[in-house]
Each structure stands twice: as C-alpha cells, then as structure tokens.
Amino acid sequence: MEKAFRGLDAATLVTIFLSTNVMFCFVEPYLIVRRGLRRVVVDGCWLMFAGCLLRSGLPGHPMTSQTGIVVGTILVGAAQPFFQCTPALLAAAWFGPNERVLATT
C-alpha cells in the first residue's frame, strides 16, 4: 500500500479518523445538553480548524511531522460529529414532526 505520509499508510489515517469520529458521536449529544448547541458547534469549528491546520500546515510550510498529522487527524475526526449529527437535532428543535423530513432533505 502506498504511504500517505512518511511512515503512515492512508488506511491508518482513515482508521484513526473513523475511530475518533465514532467515539465523539457518543459524546456529542451529552455536550449539547451540557453546553448548548451554539457553543458545541463553535467549538467543533475550532477543532476542525486546528486539525486541518495541523494536517496541512500553513501555505508554503506543509506539515511534515508524523505526530502533527496524526493529532490533526484526531482533531478533525473529533470535530466531524458536531457537523454530522447536529442537523437532525436542530431540525427537531425548530420544525414540527411533519416538517422535519422536508427540512433535512
């Protein structure tokens, strides 16, 4: 298998991302109840930003650290549920039972 980065297989990075994503899918509803929807989504944006920055580096200064790439992948995986799971919660809060399907499609 081709290496995605020095010493890291693409499959390893995908496994790290998906494992983190699944774990945070269980944490995300609890955080919304404790901290509120807006705060959780804003925090998710910051996690995504930090993870993307670690994975990609700055323009002209690509990330070459294996640890930085793995930590960035973990942060992006942790941020994903905040965008993946919240639309259904938002639709449940804003729309009636007969309107939810239309709102989320």
C-alpha atoms as a PDB file:
ATOM      1  CA  MET A   1       0.000   0.000   0.000  1.00  0.00           C
ATOM      2  CA  GLU A   2       1.242   3.467  -0.838  1.00  0.00           C
ATOM      3  CA  LYS A   3       2.305   5.670   2.065  1.00  0.00           C
ATOM      4  CA  ALA A   4       0.204   8.812   2.583  1.00  0.00           C
ATOM      5  CA  PHE A   5       2.992  10.465   4.565  1.00  0.00           C
ATOM      6  CA  ARG A   6       6.364   9.278   5.741  1.00  0.00           C
ATOM      7  CA  GLY A   7       5.668   6.140   7.749  1.00  0.00           C
ATOM      8  CA  LEU A   8       1.853   6.469   7.667  1.00  0.00           C
ATOM      9  CA  ASP A   9      -0.466   4.446   5.497  1.00  0.00           C
ATOM     10  CA  ALA A  10      -3.598   6.152   4.235  1.00  0.00           C
ATOM     11  CA  ALA A  11      -5.567   3.261   5.770  1.00  0.00           C
ATOM     12  CA  THR A  12      -4.079   4.027   9.183  1.00  0.00           C
ATOM     13  CA  LEU A  13      -5.130   7.673   8.967  1.00  0.00           C
ATOM     14  CA  VAL A  14      -8.641   6.674   7.864  1.00  0.00           C
ATOM     15  CA  THR A  15      -8.895   4.229  10.778  1.00  0.00           C
ATOM     16  CA  ILE A  16      -7.770   6.918  13.237  1.00  0.00           C
ATOM     17  CA  PHE A  17     -10.270   9.389  11.775  1.00  0.00           C
ATOM     18  CA  LEU A  18     -13.224   6.984  11.800  1.00  0.00           C
ATOM     19  CA  SER A  19     -12.465   5.642  15.292  1.00  0.00           C
ATOM     20  CA  THR A  20     -12.318   9.150  16.717  1.00  0.00           C
ATOM     21  CA  ASN A  21     -15.478  10.081  14.810  1.00  0.00           C
ATOM     22  CA  VAL A  22     -17.426   7.161  16.287  1.00  0.00           C
ATOM     23  CA  MET A  23     -16.253   7.925  19.834  1.00  0.00           C
ATOM     24  CA  PHE A  24     -17.277  11.579  19.555  1.00  0.00           C
ATOM     25  CA  CYS A  25     -20.678  10.637  18.085  1.00  0.00           C
ATOM     26  CA  PHE A  26     -21.437   9.260  21.564  1.00  0.00           C
ATOM     27  CA  VAL A  27     -20.015  12.338  23.336  1.00  0.00           C
ATOM     28  CA  GLU A  28     -21.678  14.968  21.122  1.00  0.00           C
ATOM     29  CA  PRO A  29     -25.285  14.671  22.460  1.00  0.00           C
ATOM     30  CA  TYR A  30     -24.030  14.937  26.048  1.00  0.00           C
ATOM     31  CA  LEU A  31     -22.019  18.063  25.197  1.00  0.00           C
ATOM     32  CA  ILE A  32     -25.029  19.679  23.519  1.00  0.00           C
ATOM     33  CA  VAL A  33     -27.148  19.123  26.618  1.00  0.00           C
ATOM     34  CA  ARG A  34     -24.405  20.452  28.935  1.00  0.00           C
ATOM     35  CA  ARG A  35     -23.047  23.355  26.849  1.00  0.00           C
ATOM     36  CA  GLY A  36     -25.753  24.191  24.318  1.00  0.00           C
ATOM     37  CA  LEU A  37     -25.960  23.783  20.565  1.00  0.00           C
ATOM     38  CA  ARG A  38     -24.287  27.049  19.571  1.00  0.00           C
ATOM     39  CA  ARG A  39     -21.267  26.589  21.841  1.00  0.00           C
ATOM     40  CA  VAL A  40     -20.748  22.993  20.732  1.00  0.00           C
ATOM     41  CA  VAL A  41     -20.902  23.890  17.035  1.00  0.00           C
ATOM     42  CA  VAL A  42     -18.479  26.813  17.517  1.00  0.00           C
ATOM     43  CA  ASP A  43     -16.105  24.557  19.463  1.00  0.00           C
ATOM     44  CA  GLY A  44     -16.419  21.982  16.668  1.00  0.00           C
ATOM     45  CA  CYS A  45     -15.401  24.669  14.168  1.00  0.00           C
ATOM     46  CA  TRP A  46     -12.285  25.427  16.199  1.00  0.00           C
ATOM     47  CA  LEU A  47     -11.427  21.718  16.445  1.00  0.00           C
ATOM     48  CA  MET A  48     -11.837  21.355  12.684  1.00  0.00           C
ATOM     49  CA  PHE A  49      -9.701  24.452  12.037  1.00  0.00           C
ATOM     50  CA  ALA A  50      -6.910  23.275  14.345  1.00  0.00           C
ATOM     51  CA  GLY A  51      -6.984  19.760  12.897  1.00  0.00           C
ATOM     52  CA  CYS A  52      -6.881  20.983   9.310  1.00  0.00           C
ATOM     53  CA  LEU A  53      -4.041  23.358  10.157  1.00  0.00           C
ATOM     54  CA  LEU A  54      -2.051  20.534  11.752  1.00  0.00           C
ATOM     55  CA  ARG A  55      -2.720  18.178   8.845  1.00  0.00           C
ATOM     56  CA  SER A  56      -1.993  20.691   6.101  1.00  0.00           C
ATOM     57  CA  GLY A  57       0.358  23.234   7.628  1.00  0.00           C
ATOM     58  CA  LEU A  58       0.482  26.846   6.578  1.00  0.00           C
ATOM     59  CA  PRO A  59       0.706  27.974   2.950  1.00  0.00           C
ATOM     60  CA  GLY A  60       4.284  27.429   1.871  1.00  0.00           C
ATOM     61  CA  HIS A  61       5.036  25.428   5.032  1.00  0.00           C
ATOM     62  CA  PRO A  62       3.478  21.967   4.668  1.00  0.00           C
ATOM     63  CA  MET A  63       3.216  19.698   7.702  1.00  0.00           C
ATOM     64  CA  THR A  64       5.982  17.110   7.713  1.00  0.00           C
ATOM     65  CA  SER A  65       5.688  15.881  11.314  1.00  0.00           C
ATOM     66  CA  GLN A  66       4.099  12.469  11.614  1.00  0.00           C
ATOM     67  CA  THR A  67       2.816  13.349  15.095  1.00  0.00           C
ATOM     68  CA  GLY A  68       1.260  16.586  13.806  1.00  0.00           C
ATOM     69  CA  ILE A  69      -0.544  14.720  11.059  1.00  0.00           C
ATOM     70  CA  VAL A  70      -1.895  12.094  13.474  1.00  0.00           C
ATOM     71  CA  VAL A  71      -3.001  14.716  16.043  1.00  0.00           C
ATOM     72  CA  GLY A  72      -4.600  16.750  13.237  1.00  0.00           C
ATOM     73  CA  THR A  73      -6.457  13.648  12.053  1.00  0.00           C
ATOM     74  CA  ILE A  74      -7.719  13.029  15.598  1.00  0.00           C
ATOM     75  CA  LEU A  75      -8.946  16.630  15.906  1.00  0.00           C
ATOM     76  CA  VAL A  76     -10.726  16.514  12.541  1.00  0.00           C
ATOM     77  CA  GLY A  77     -12.315  13.181  13.495  1.00  0.00           C
ATOM     78  CA  ALA A  78     -13.442  14.653  16.826  1.00  0.00           C
ATOM     79  CA  ALA A  79     -14.949  17.715  15.111  1.00  0.00           C
ATOM     80  CA  GLN A  80     -16.863  15.812  12.434  1.00  0.00           C
ATOM     81  CA  PRO A  81     -19.822  14.682  14.635  1.00  0.00           C
ATOM     82  CA  PHE A  82     -20.570  18.294  15.547  1.00  0.00           C
ATOM     83  CA  PHE A  83     -21.480  18.888  11.892  1.00  0.00           C
ATOM     84  CA  GLN A  84     -22.684  15.388  11.078  1.00  0.00           C
ATOM     85  CA  CYS A  85     -25.124  14.856  13.977  1.00  0.00           C
ATOM     86  CA  THR A  86     -26.399  18.346  14.801  1.00  0.00           C
ATOM     87  CA  PRO A  87     -28.640  18.985  11.740  1.00  0.00           C
ATOM     88  CA  ALA A  88     -31.144  16.395  12.955  1.00  0.00           C
ATOM     89  CA  LEU A  89     -31.133  17.908  16.461  1.00  0.00           C
ATOM     90  CA  LEU A  90     -31.575  21.370  15.027  1.00  0.00           C
ATOM     91  CA  ALA A  91     -34.452  20.215  12.819  1.00  0.00           C
ATOM     92  CA  ALA A  92     -36.104  18.517  15.814  1.00  0.00           C
ATOM     93  CA  ALA A  93     -35.896  21.763  17.798  1.00  0.00           C
ATOM     94  CA  TRP A  94     -37.021  24.135  15.037  1.00  0.00           C
ATOM     95  CA  PHE A  95     -39.557  22.162  12.997  1.00  0.00           C
ATOM     96  CA  GLY A  96     -42.691  20.208  13.797  1.00  0.00           C
ATOM     97  CA  PRO A  97     -42.827  16.412  13.407  1.00  0.00           C
ATOM     98  CA  ASN A  98     -44.425  16.667   9.954  1.00  0.00           C
ATOM     99  CA  GLU A  99     -41.879  19.229   8.723  1.00  0.00           C
ATOM    100  CA  ARG A 100     -38.596  17.557   9.753  1.00  0.00           C
ATOM    101  CA  VAL A 101     -38.191  15.335   6.713  1.00  0.00           C
ATOM    102  CA  LEU A 102     -38.609  18.277   4.371  1.00  0.00           C
ATOM    103  CA  ALA A 103     -36.212  20.398   6.444  1.00  0.00           C
ATOM    104  CA  THR A 104     -33.417  17.842   6.395  1.00  0.00           C
ATOM    105  CA  THR A 105     -33.604  16.722   2.773  1.00  0.00           C
END
